[in-house]
Amino acid sequence: MALTADGRAAPARRSVARLAPSLADAVGLRLEEPRPQECGADGGEGFSIAPLDGRVDGRMDGRMDGRVLITRTTTVALVSGFHWYLRHVAGGHLSRTGDTVPAEAPRPDAVIVKSTPYTDRYIYNFTVNGHTSPYWTFAEWERELDLIAAHGINRALATTGLEQVWVDSFSRFGYTEEEVRDWVCAPSLQPWQHMANIGGIGPAPSPGLMERRVELGRRIVARMRELGIEPVLPGLAGTVPDGFAQRALLALLAAAPRLGRTGTYLYDLVDVALQVLANRARVLLPRIKAAHEAADAGEFDRLAHALLDTARLADTVLATRPEFLLETWLRQAERWGTDPRERAALRADAARLVTVWGDRPAADWVEDYANHDWAGLLSTYYVPRWERYFGSLSASLRSGAEPVPTDWFAHGAAWARHRPRTADRPAGDPLRAVASAAATLTSGDRT
């Protein structure tokens, strides 16, 4: 088989020609089945570099005399085999900052066989596409992909243009394209958005910019595959635009006739409803703080009551599923006791863990370190604690005196010692409870 007839090696030959034009005609590349001595112990790839004396597949071919033949099993392996030859035989060098490529291709003294035990050779974290390549064109990416192939990389993260996936996906949940684009960060900051750190920072990408980045992303992925590099496309890290949980909750409720009453569906329904209610509470907190700082007692009380009602509503929703019951956790600890005293001690220990965490205050006290949103924990611990806190601040606003100080560790420790008894079985219907919560949030005064 003549080297020039091996069309399967064409992508590797094109890469070599881009990396080292002066050597492209002097080095032959051929894909073939691996020989046992060319495979790593764990099934990794191997390659061979051989001097040619004019014989190819047992036949004389004058065009091959004096050339070098590199054989390997994949395209990226061929390119990395050439890179090894360039460095260790020809004395050359390739890098992002400059190359040294000789004018001629020296022949090795004998056949060289190398192998690797590593089947997966990955490159890039998210931030590379922010610190280094956010504004590269395909010319820079073409060079980069040739270089990583030369280093034997066969897996690479690909994120360019994926912001269009966000637009397409969230549009299905009722967002307009403009709303999603306003939430998408500038290209240089998108890596941190992929990691769910930020959103809506920097100039929002225009539709034209997004189209150009999508086209570039397609070219990058196509070239990766041509070189034998598998693109690694990230899934959703959980970052979503503002208001997504509310839209997602309504979408889940709409799916009830189709999904029925399966356990997974009802669990997700309650879990998303909890997130919607928690989001509402987080929005209320800074408004409560602002009302307090403005000494507006009426507005403070109104917003504080809205937060408490939200917490009580969350407790009602959570109580419909066994996975969200405080009593389940407490009884798991209690059942390890062999007598009433030991059972009580273990129950108190489990109660402390999810509240004050330890059995004594300290300089590095980690209150709420292991907190949970559980039915029973909200109603018997967090709601009364918030009521006490808000009540103290409200009284202070009306009297002008400083709020009465509270020992919150003592408050939590006392709660744990009394080992509150809460419901040990679900109460209510998840669908009805969530639908009622959704109606409360979407109608009337939303505060």
Protein backbone atom coordinates (compact mmCIF):
# COMPACT_ATOMS: atom_id res chain seq x y z
CA MET A 1 0.00 0.00 0.00
CA ALA A 2 1.59 3.25 -1.11
CA LEU A 3 1.74 5.94 1.53
CA THR A 4 0.11 8.49 -0.69
CA ALA A 5 -2.89 6.21 -1.15
CA ASP A 6 -3.72 6.01 2.58
CA GLY A 7 -6.56 8.51 2.62
CA ARG A 8 -7.37 7.75 6.26
CA ALA A 9 -4.18 9.55 7.28
CA ALA A 10 -5.07 12.70 5.32
CA PRO A 11 -6.23 14.73 8.41
CA ALA A 12 -2.95 13.90 10.17
CA ARG A 13 -0.93 14.86 7.07
CA ARG A 14 -2.73 18.20 6.88
CA SER A 15 -1.98 18.86 10.54
CA VAL A 16 1.70 18.01 10.07
CA ALA A 17 1.84 20.26 7.01
CA ARG A 18 0.48 23.15 9.08
CA LEU A 19 2.86 22.50 11.96
CA ALA A 20 6.03 21.77 9.99
CA PRO A 21 5.67 22.54 6.28
CA SER A 22 9.32 21.83 5.48
CA LEU A 23 9.04 18.24 6.70
CA ALA A 24 5.59 17.35 5.41
CA ASP A 25 6.82 15.65 2.21
CA ALA A 26 9.67 13.83 3.93
CA VAL A 27 7.61 12.06 6.59
CA GLY A 28 5.05 9.42 5.72
CA LEU A 29 2.05 8.80 7.94
CA ARG A 30 -0.03 5.65 7.92
CA LEU A 31 -2.93 4.35 10.00
CA GLU A 32 -2.88 0.65 10.70
CA GLU A 33 -3.92 -1.92 13.27
CA PRO A 34 -1.74 -1.84 16.39
CA ARG A 35 0.96 -4.43 16.97
CA PRO A 36 1.14 -5.96 20.47
CA GLN A 37 4.48 -4.28 21.22
CA GLU A 38 2.98 -0.89 20.34
CA CYS A 39 0.19 -1.01 22.93
CA GLY A 40 0.46 0.09 26.52
CA ALA A 41 -0.13 -2.42 29.27
CA ASP A 42 -3.57 -0.96 29.95
CA GLY A 43 -4.67 -0.79 26.33
CA GLY A 44 -3.25 2.65 25.52
CA GLU A 45 -1.90 3.63 22.13
CA GLY A 46 1.55 3.14 20.67
CA PHE A 47 3.43 4.21 17.55
CA SER A 48 6.47 3.33 15.53
CA ILE A 49 8.94 5.51 13.65
CA ALA A 50 10.94 3.74 10.97
CA PRO A 51 13.53 4.74 8.36
CA LEU A 52 12.57 3.85 4.79
CA ASP A 53 14.94 2.39 2.23
CA GLY A 54 12.61 2.62 -0.71
CA ARG A 55 10.53 -0.41 0.24
CA VAL A 56 6.87 -0.02 1.13
CA ASP A 57 4.85 -3.16 1.86
CA GLY A 58 7.67 -5.26 0.41
CA ARG A 59 7.81 -3.40 -2.91
CA MET A 60 10.37 -0.92 -4.15
CA ASP A 61 9.23 2.67 -4.49
CA GLY A 62 11.98 5.14 -5.25
CA ARG A 63 9.88 8.00 -4.02
CA MET A 64 10.09 6.60 -0.49
CA ASP A 65 13.88 6.23 -0.34
CA GLY A 66 15.30 8.30 2.50
CA ARG A 67 11.94 9.04 4.02
CA VAL A 68 10.59 8.39 7.49
CA LEU A 69 7.43 6.38 8.11
CA ILE A 70 5.31 6.90 11.19
CA THR A 71 2.53 4.39 11.84
CA ARG A 72 -0.08 4.59 14.54
CA THR A 73 -3.69 3.65 15.21
CA THR A 74 -5.51 7.00 15.35
CA THR A 75 -5.19 10.42 13.77
CA VAL A 76 -4.21 12.21 16.97
CA ALA A 77 -1.73 9.41 17.61
CA LEU A 78 -0.09 9.95 14.22
CA VAL A 79 0.31 13.68 14.87
CA SER A 80 1.77 13.06 18.32
CA GLY A 81 4.08 10.44 16.81
CA PHE A 82 5.35 13.06 14.38
CA HIS A 83 5.86 15.49 17.27
CA TRP A 84 7.94 12.91 19.12
CA TYR A 85 10.05 12.41 15.97
CA LEU A 86 10.46 16.17 15.53
CA ARG A 87 11.68 16.65 19.11
CA HIS A 88 13.80 13.57 19.66
CA VAL A 89 15.13 12.77 16.19
CA ALA A 90 15.03 15.99 14.19
CA GLY A 91 15.88 18.31 17.11
CA GLY A 92 12.87 20.55 16.50
CA HIS A 93 10.40 22.20 18.79
CA LEU A 94 6.75 23.28 18.69
CA SER A 95 5.05 25.61 21.17
CA ARG A 96 2.46 28.36 21.49
CA THR A 97 5.26 30.91 21.58
CA GLY A 98 7.43 29.78 18.68
CA ASP A 99 8.71 26.83 16.65
CA THR A 100 12.04 25.39 15.57
CA VAL A 101 11.61 23.19 12.52
CA PRO A 102 14.65 21.92 10.55
CA ALA A 103 14.71 22.16 6.77
CA GLU A 104 15.35 18.43 6.35
CA ALA A 105 14.06 15.28 8.01
CA PRO A 106 16.82 13.09 9.41
CA ARG A 107 16.24 9.35 9.45
CA PRO A 108 16.35 7.49 12.76
CA ASP A 109 19.09 4.89 13.09
CA ALA A 110 16.59 2.13 13.81
CA VAL A 111 12.89 1.54 14.30
CA ILE A 112 11.56 3.38 17.34
CA VAL A 113 8.53 2.04 19.21
CA LYS A 114 6.77 4.01 21.94
CA SER A 115 3.55 3.47 23.87
CA THR A 116 1.38 4.99 26.59
CA PRO A 117 -0.82 3.26 29.15
CA TYR A 118 -3.23 6.22 29.20
CA THR A 119 -6.37 5.87 27.11
CA ASP A 120 -7.93 9.23 28.10
CA ARG A 121 -5.72 12.30 27.75
CA TYR A 122 -7.73 15.43 28.62
CA ILE A 123 -7.03 19.15 28.41
CA TYR A 124 -8.61 22.43 29.61
CA ASN A 125 -10.64 23.65 32.52
CA PHE A 126 -13.39 26.22 32.08
CA THR A 127 -11.27 29.25 32.84
CA VAL A 128 -8.91 28.73 29.90
CA ASN A 129 -11.69 29.98 27.64
CA GLY A 130 -11.86 33.14 29.74
CA HIS A 131 -8.25 33.95 30.56
CA THR A 132 -6.79 32.82 27.23
CA SER A 133 -9.10 32.15 24.31
CA PRO A 134 -12.42 34.05 24.65
CA TYR A 135 -11.77 36.14 21.56
CA TRP A 136 -9.78 33.75 19.42
CA THR A 137 -10.75 33.28 15.79
CA PHE A 138 -10.51 29.97 13.99
CA ALA A 139 -6.94 30.76 12.97
CA GLU A 140 -5.84 30.66 16.63
CA TRP A 141 -7.97 27.62 17.34
CA GLU A 142 -6.61 25.75 14.32
CA ARG A 143 -3.08 26.23 15.60
CA GLU A 144 -4.12 25.30 19.14
CA LEU A 145 -5.83 22.07 18.07
CA ASP A 146 -2.83 21.03 15.99
CA LEU A 147 -0.61 21.61 19.03
CA ILE A 148 -2.74 19.63 21.46
CA ALA A 149 -2.95 16.78 18.93
CA ALA A 150 0.84 16.93 18.73
CA HIS A 151 0.92 16.43 22.49
CA GLY A 152 -1.32 13.37 22.26
CA ILE A 153 -4.47 14.96 23.70
CA ASN A 154 -7.62 13.05 22.72
CA ARG A 155 -10.24 14.75 24.95
CA ALA A 156 -10.81 18.52 25.07
CA LEU A 157 -13.42 20.78 26.64
CA ALA A 158 -15.45 22.69 24.04
CA THR A 159 -17.63 25.59 25.21
CA THR A 160 -17.48 28.24 22.46
CA GLY A 161 -21.00 29.08 21.32
CA LEU A 162 -22.77 27.02 23.99
CA GLU A 163 -24.51 30.16 25.22
CA GLN A 164 -26.92 29.63 22.30
CA VAL A 165 -27.93 26.34 23.95
CA TRP A 166 -28.92 28.36 27.00
CA VAL A 167 -31.03 30.67 24.87
CA ASP A 168 -32.74 27.77 23.11
CA SER A 169 -33.31 25.82 26.33
CA PHE A 170 -34.61 28.60 28.54
CA SER A 171 -36.87 29.86 25.77
CA ARG A 172 -38.84 26.66 26.32
CA PHE A 173 -39.57 27.87 29.85
CA GLY A 174 -41.10 31.15 28.75
CA TYR A 175 -38.09 33.45 28.60
CA THR A 176 -37.62 35.74 25.63
CA GLU A 177 -34.35 35.60 23.74
CA GLU A 178 -33.49 39.08 24.98
CA GLU A 179 -34.08 38.07 28.61
CA VAL A 180 -31.69 35.16 28.31
CA ARG A 181 -29.06 37.20 26.46
CA ASP A 182 -29.21 39.82 29.22
CA TRP A 183 -28.46 37.01 31.68
CA VAL A 184 -25.59 35.56 29.61
CA CYS A 185 -22.21 36.98 30.55
CA ALA A 186 -19.70 38.49 28.15
CA PRO A 187 -17.54 35.84 26.38
CA SER A 188 -14.53 36.46 28.64
CA LEU A 189 -16.66 35.80 31.75
CA GLN A 190 -18.73 32.86 30.52
CA PRO A 191 -16.38 30.23 32.02
CA TRP A 192 -17.40 31.37 35.49
CA GLN A 193 -21.04 31.29 34.44
CA HIS A 194 -20.56 27.68 33.33
CA MET A 195 -19.38 27.01 36.89
CA ALA A 196 -22.52 28.69 38.31
CA ASN A 197 -20.53 31.53 39.91
CA ILE A 198 -22.02 34.56 38.13
CA GLY A 199 -24.66 35.72 35.68
CA GLY A 200 -25.49 38.82 33.66
CA ILE A 201 -22.03 40.43 33.99
CA GLY A 202 -20.38 42.32 31.16
CA PRO A 203 -21.94 43.47 27.89
CA ALA A 204 -24.71 41.09 26.85
CA PRO A 205 -23.78 39.30 23.62
CA SER A 206 -25.70 40.55 20.61
CA PRO A 207 -27.57 38.09 18.37
CA GLY A 208 -24.90 38.58 15.71
CA LEU A 209 -22.07 37.88 18.13
CA MET A 210 -23.80 34.74 19.34
CA GLU A 211 -24.29 33.53 15.77
CA ARG A 212 -20.61 34.05 15.01
CA ARG A 213 -19.58 32.22 18.17
CA VAL A 214 -21.89 29.32 17.33
CA GLU A 215 -20.31 29.04 13.90
CA LEU A 216 -16.83 29.12 15.44
CA GLY A 217 -17.84 26.49 17.98
CA ARG A 218 -19.04 24.21 15.18
CA ARG A 219 -15.74 24.60 13.35
CA ILE A 220 -13.78 23.88 16.52
CA VAL A 221 -15.76 20.71 17.24
CA ALA A 222 -15.52 19.57 13.62
CA ARG A 223 -11.75 20.02 13.62
CA MET A 224 -11.42 18.21 16.94
CA ARG A 225 -13.25 15.23 15.51
CA GLU A 226 -11.20 15.35 12.32
CA LEU A 227 -8.03 15.09 14.41
CA GLY A 228 -9.37 12.32 16.63
CA ILE A 229 -9.95 14.60 19.63
CA GLU A 230 -13.26 13.92 21.34
CA PRO A 231 -15.07 17.16 22.26
CA VAL A 232 -16.18 17.28 25.89
CA LEU A 233 -19.42 19.28 26.04
CA PRO A 234 -20.47 20.42 29.52
CA GLY A 235 -23.88 19.73 30.94
CA LEU A 236 -25.93 22.22 32.92
CA ALA A 237 -24.18 23.17 36.16
CA GLY A 238 -27.40 24.45 37.68
CA THR A 239 -27.03 28.14 36.86
CA VAL A 240 -30.34 29.57 35.65
CA PRO A 241 -31.81 33.02 34.96
CA ASP A 242 -33.75 34.89 37.62
CA GLY A 243 -37.22 33.52 38.16
CA PHE A 244 -36.44 30.12 36.66
CA ALA A 245 -37.61 28.09 39.65
CA GLN A 246 -41.05 29.73 39.50
CA ARG A 247 -41.36 28.94 35.77
CA ALA A 248 -40.01 25.43 36.31
CA LEU A 249 -42.55 24.83 39.10
CA LEU A 250 -45.44 25.84 36.85
CA ALA A 251 -44.05 23.59 34.11
CA LEU A 252 -43.89 20.67 36.57
CA LEU A 253 -47.46 21.26 37.68
CA ALA A 254 -48.57 21.31 34.06
CA ALA A 255 -46.91 17.92 33.59
CA ALA A 256 -48.98 16.28 36.35
CA PRO A 257 -51.55 14.63 34.01
CA ARG A 258 -48.74 13.02 32.04
CA LEU A 259 -46.39 12.05 34.86
CA GLY A 260 -49.09 10.91 37.27
CA ARG A 261 -48.16 10.22 40.86
CA THR A 262 -44.77 8.61 40.50
CA GLY A 263 -42.46 9.03 43.47
CA THR A 264 -39.70 10.72 41.49
CA TYR A 265 -42.08 13.28 40.00
CA LEU A 266 -43.67 14.14 43.34
CA TYR A 267 -40.26 14.43 45.01
CA ASP A 268 -39.03 16.81 42.28
CA LEU A 269 -42.26 18.79 42.49
CA VAL A 270 -41.84 19.38 46.22
CA ASP A 271 -38.11 20.05 45.87
CA VAL A 272 -38.61 22.70 43.19
CA ALA A 273 -41.47 24.26 45.15
CA LEU A 274 -39.11 24.55 48.13
CA GLN A 275 -36.60 26.37 45.93
CA VAL A 276 -39.27 28.79 44.72
CA LEU A 277 -40.28 29.58 48.30
CA ALA A 278 -36.64 29.92 49.40
CA ASN A 279 -36.03 32.32 46.53
CA ARG A 280 -38.95 34.45 47.71
CA ALA A 281 -37.52 34.53 51.22
CA ARG A 282 -34.10 35.60 49.92
CA VAL A 283 -35.72 38.48 48.05
CA LEU A 284 -37.59 39.57 51.18
CA LEU A 285 -34.55 39.62 53.50
CA PRO A 286 -32.76 42.67 52.01
CA ARG A 287 -36.09 44.52 51.91
CA ILE A 288 -36.65 43.75 55.58
CA LYS A 289 -33.16 45.04 56.32
CA ALA A 290 -33.83 48.23 54.35
CA ALA A 291 -37.11 48.83 56.21
CA HIS A 292 -35.33 48.39 59.53
CA GLU A 293 -32.56 50.80 58.57
CA ALA A 294 -35.19 53.32 57.47
CA ALA A 295 -36.97 52.89 60.86
CA ASP A 296 -40.20 52.08 58.98
CA ALA A 297 -41.89 49.88 61.58
CA GLY A 298 -45.03 49.28 59.53
CA GLU A 299 -43.17 48.14 56.43
CA PHE A 300 -40.79 46.10 58.58
CA ASP A 301 -43.66 44.21 60.22
CA ARG A 302 -45.43 43.63 56.91
CA LEU A 303 -42.35 42.18 55.23
CA ALA A 304 -41.36 40.16 58.30
CA HIS A 305 -44.82 38.56 58.39
CA ALA A 306 -44.51 37.79 54.67
CA LEU A 307 -41.25 35.94 55.27
CA LEU A 308 -42.71 33.98 58.18
CA ASP A 309 -45.75 33.04 56.08
CA THR A 310 -43.41 31.86 53.34
CA ALA A 311 -41.52 29.65 55.79
CA ARG A 312 -44.77 28.18 57.15
CA LEU A 313 -45.95 27.52 53.59
CA ALA A 314 -42.67 25.74 52.87
CA ASP A 315 -43.15 23.56 55.96
CA THR A 316 -46.63 22.58 54.76
CA VAL A 317 -45.31 21.62 51.32
CA LEU A 318 -42.34 19.68 52.72
CA ALA A 319 -44.60 17.75 55.09
CA THR A 320 -46.19 15.95 52.13
CA ARG A 321 -43.06 13.86 51.39
CA PRO A 322 -41.27 11.45 53.75
CA GLU A 323 -37.84 12.54 52.49
CA PHE A 324 -38.33 16.02 53.99
CA LEU A 325 -39.43 15.12 57.52
CA LEU A 326 -37.31 16.08 60.54
CA GLU A 327 -38.71 13.13 62.49
CA THR A 328 -37.18 10.67 60.00
CA TRP A 329 -33.72 12.00 60.88
CA LEU A 330 -34.31 12.06 64.64
CA ARG A 331 -35.67 8.52 64.76
CA GLN A 332 -32.72 7.17 62.81
CA ALA A 333 -30.52 8.27 65.69
CA GLU A 334 -32.99 7.27 68.41
CA ARG A 335 -33.28 3.66 67.22
CA TRP A 336 -29.61 3.03 68.05
CA GLY A 337 -30.28 3.46 71.77
CA THR A 338 -30.79 0.40 73.94
CA ASP A 339 -32.68 2.13 76.76
CA PRO A 340 -34.76 5.33 77.17
CA ARG A 341 -31.81 7.38 78.42
CA GLU A 342 -29.53 6.42 75.53
CA ARG A 343 -32.29 6.91 72.98
CA ALA A 344 -32.96 10.40 74.34
CA ALA A 345 -29.26 11.31 74.24
CA LEU A 346 -28.88 10.15 70.64
CA ARG A 347 -32.03 11.97 69.59
CA ALA A 348 -30.73 15.17 71.18
CA ASP A 349 -27.39 14.70 69.45
CA ALA A 350 -29.09 14.40 66.06
CA ALA A 351 -31.17 17.52 66.84
CA ARG A 352 -28.05 19.49 67.77
CA LEU A 353 -26.25 18.50 64.59
CA VAL A 354 -28.81 20.16 62.33
CA THR A 355 -29.06 23.31 64.48
CA VAL A 356 -26.26 24.43 66.83
CA TRP A 357 -24.03 21.55 65.64
CA GLY A 358 -22.11 21.07 68.90
CA ASP A 359 -22.88 20.82 72.59
CA ARG A 360 -21.15 24.06 73.66
CA PRO A 361 -20.51 27.52 72.17
CA ALA A 362 -17.01 28.35 70.96
CA ALA A 363 -15.14 31.11 69.16
CA ASP A 364 -15.50 29.20 65.92
CA TRP A 365 -19.11 28.17 66.54
CA VAL A 366 -20.61 26.75 63.35
CA GLU A 367 -24.33 27.21 63.95
CA ASP A 368 -26.51 25.96 61.08
CA TYR A 369 -23.49 24.26 59.51
CA ALA A 370 -25.59 21.14 58.83
CA ASN A 371 -28.97 22.82 58.52
CA HIS A 372 -31.78 21.39 56.41
CA ASP A 373 -35.08 22.57 55.02
CA TRP A 374 -37.27 19.92 56.67
CA ALA A 375 -40.87 19.88 57.78
CA GLY A 376 -40.83 20.07 61.54
CA LEU A 377 -37.45 21.81 61.63
CA LEU A 378 -38.93 24.89 59.97
CA SER A 379 -42.09 24.93 62.09
CA THR A 380 -40.55 24.17 65.49
CA TYR A 381 -37.13 25.79 65.23
CA TYR A 382 -36.58 28.29 62.41
CA VAL A 383 -39.98 29.99 62.38
CA PRO A 384 -40.00 30.55 66.16
CA ARG A 385 -36.41 31.80 65.96
CA TRP A 386 -37.27 34.29 63.21
CA GLU A 387 -40.39 35.35 65.16
CA ARG A 388 -38.27 36.08 68.21
CA TYR A 389 -35.69 37.98 66.19
CA PHE A 390 -38.20 40.05 64.24
CA GLY A 391 -40.21 40.71 67.39
CA SER A 392 -37.14 42.11 69.13
CA LEU A 393 -36.33 44.39 66.20
CA SER A 394 -39.94 45.54 65.84
CA ALA A 395 -40.14 46.43 69.52
CA SER A 396 -36.89 48.34 69.22
CA LEU A 397 -38.21 50.36 66.27
CA ARG A 398 -41.28 51.39 68.25
CA SER A 399 -39.55 52.11 71.56
CA GLY A 400 -36.31 53.58 70.25
CA ALA A 401 -34.37 51.33 72.64
CA GLU A 402 -31.68 48.87 71.62
CA PRO A 403 -32.96 45.34 70.78
CA VAL A 404 -32.89 42.90 73.67
CA PRO A 405 -29.81 40.66 73.14
CA THR A 406 -30.49 36.97 72.63
CA ASP A 407 -28.19 34.02 73.31
CA TRP A 408 -28.94 32.14 70.12
CA PHE A 409 -26.78 29.17 71.06
CA ALA A 410 -28.74 28.75 74.29
CA HIS A 411 -31.95 29.05 72.29
CA GLY A 412 -30.89 26.29 69.87
CA ALA A 413 -29.41 24.07 72.58
CA ALA A 414 -32.66 24.25 74.57
CA TRP A 415 -34.63 23.23 71.49
CA ALA A 416 -32.34 20.21 70.97
CA ARG A 417 -32.56 19.17 74.64
CA HIS A 418 -36.34 19.14 74.55
CA ARG A 419 -36.14 16.78 71.57
CA PRO A 420 -39.27 18.04 69.78
CA ARG A 421 -41.71 15.45 68.51
CA THR A 422 -42.90 16.16 64.99
CA ALA A 423 -44.90 14.23 62.41
CA ASP A 424 -43.35 10.90 61.46
CA ARG A 425 -45.57 10.39 58.42
CA PRO A 426 -46.32 12.63 55.42
CA ALA A 427 -49.40 14.81 55.72
CA GLY A 428 -51.37 16.21 52.81
CA ASP A 429 -51.20 15.75 49.06
CA PRO A 430 -48.04 17.00 47.28
CA LEU A 431 -49.87 18.11 44.15
CA ARG A 432 -52.49 20.08 46.05
CA ALA A 433 -49.96 21.60 48.45
CA VAL A 434 -47.65 22.73 45.66
CA ALA A 435 -50.54 24.02 43.53
CA SER A 436 -51.77 26.02 46.52
CA ALA A 437 -48.30 27.43 47.11
CA ALA A 438 -47.96 28.37 43.43
CA ALA A 439 -51.35 30.09 43.51
CA THR A 440 -50.33 32.03 46.62
CA LEU A 441 -47.15 33.22 44.94
CA THR A 442 -48.65 34.13 41.60
CA SER A 443 -51.85 35.89 42.68
CA GLY A 444 -52.69 38.80 44.91
CA ASP A 445 -50.07 40.77 46.82
CA ARG A 446 -46.69 39.22 46.11
CA THR A 447 -45.00 41.59 48.57
